[in-house]
Amino acid sequence: MRSGSTRTPSTVSTASTASTASTASTASTASTASTPSTASTTSTASTASTASTTSTAPTAPTTSTTTTTPATTTAPTTTTTPATTTAPTTTTAPTTTASLSGIYWNATRTQYWGTGSSSGLITGSLNQTSMPTGLYIDSNNNLYIGDSGNDRVIMQSLSITTNAPGGIIAAGSTNISGNSSFSNLFSTGVRYLFVDSSQNLYVADAFNNRVMRWASGASSGLMVAGDGTFGSTLNQVYSPYGIWVDSSLNIFVAEYQLHRVTKWAPGATAGIIVAGISNSAGNTTNKLAYPAGLYYDEANQDLYIANSATSTSTVMKWHIGDLNGTVVAGVAGAYGNTATQLKSPMGITLDQWNNLYVADRSNSRVQLICNGTTTGITIAGSGASGSSVTTISAPYDVKLDSQLNLYVSDNSGSRISKFRKY
């Protein structure tokens, strides 16, 4: 671990300039070479320091305040009063400001997948990727990677070591694109992914305007949302991005170009609108603006939706059945790089305590917004695009494994970065 390189995020917010026009956020194709490194530096994220006690499993993270009570004959001791009713137990970590009451991430990434080459694919090796997009980690600890530049989805066991060529093609065909008449081919429009409890893989095939489902081991897929043409009728999906499948196999689709989220029942030939107004972007609470990443909290029936339009740059929580959503991250109409702002957010995920993780694309960082707060904590990236082991470039998606290690699809860097949790 490199001494003196821990990160303590600032919570100072600055005034933002409002904008009401929404613009499309598009994937960057620029790439930056990167050199794999396993050097470690602790990433820290909190506004208050806490004492650490050893624990073997993560516990409910909270932001916390500290009070100091002087001891009579020894150095002062600190006690921690949690901000919520759940008292966290901290884990032992290097001496630094605590993040999430003792949960730390290494600020130095491990290049888990890809070479950092702009071409990504050179000889067909399965440890390379080009312009990676969506990620998904299934219940069997397999990582799925949307390898959009190579027209395929790769599946890799997380038990495999860094950059080991042990993956398989789970969907698509290497460097062979196709239109909607093909059931086994994508264009470079592979966006976000989902895997259900039966190991069926769902792929948002944006340029072919459809969502495809691939059974485990299948050589071709089945179209389960959309008809392969673009348009605004409810039997169509126009540029699908974020997707989610609930326990009843309903499919939620974030339609990027139509500024709406639709729900498709199993076997349905048309969807219903559950968030946004079709073909109407905006910053008001009843509208979406180029929705990208999607997460569904089924227990509470809440959709989390990333509005990727630069002029909007928010994440909204939208309860199923409501006509309006609530901004839970970012400032509507005021993008920026302060702790309370985002700029073109893309992929999102939640942990078991409903803390929100955001791929803050145009700020080249990953932000953590603790449940019940609106101030972000930078846990990956430096805020500047680059190829060093502490930077990420245009992050497209974020996922956590069962140990809370963080995986980031580094779209412009053509790599998957792993930030280890302590």
Foldseek 3Di string as FASTA:
>chain_A
DDPPPEDEADQDDDDFDFDKDFDADDADLAFFFFDFDDDWAKYAYADEADDADADDAFDQFAHWHKDWDQDDPDGIDIDIDGPDPDDGHAHDDPPDGHHSRHKIWTLFWGQQAARLDSQQDDPPQQRTAHLWAAWDQDPQQWIWIRRLSQFFIKIGHPVDGGSDRPIDTFAADGNDADEPVFQGTAHSLWHYWDADPQRWIWTQRFVQFFIWTHHGPDRGTDTFAADRDDDQFQLTAHRWAAWDADPQRWIWTCRQQQFFIWIHHGPDSGTHTFAADGNDATLFFQTAARWHAWDAPPVQQWIWTARQGQQAGFIWIGHGPDRGTHTQAADGRGADDHQRHAGRWHAWDADPNRWIWIQRFQQQFIWTHGPPGRGTITRAADSDAHRGSSTAHRWNYWDADPRRWIWTCRRNSRTIIIIDMD
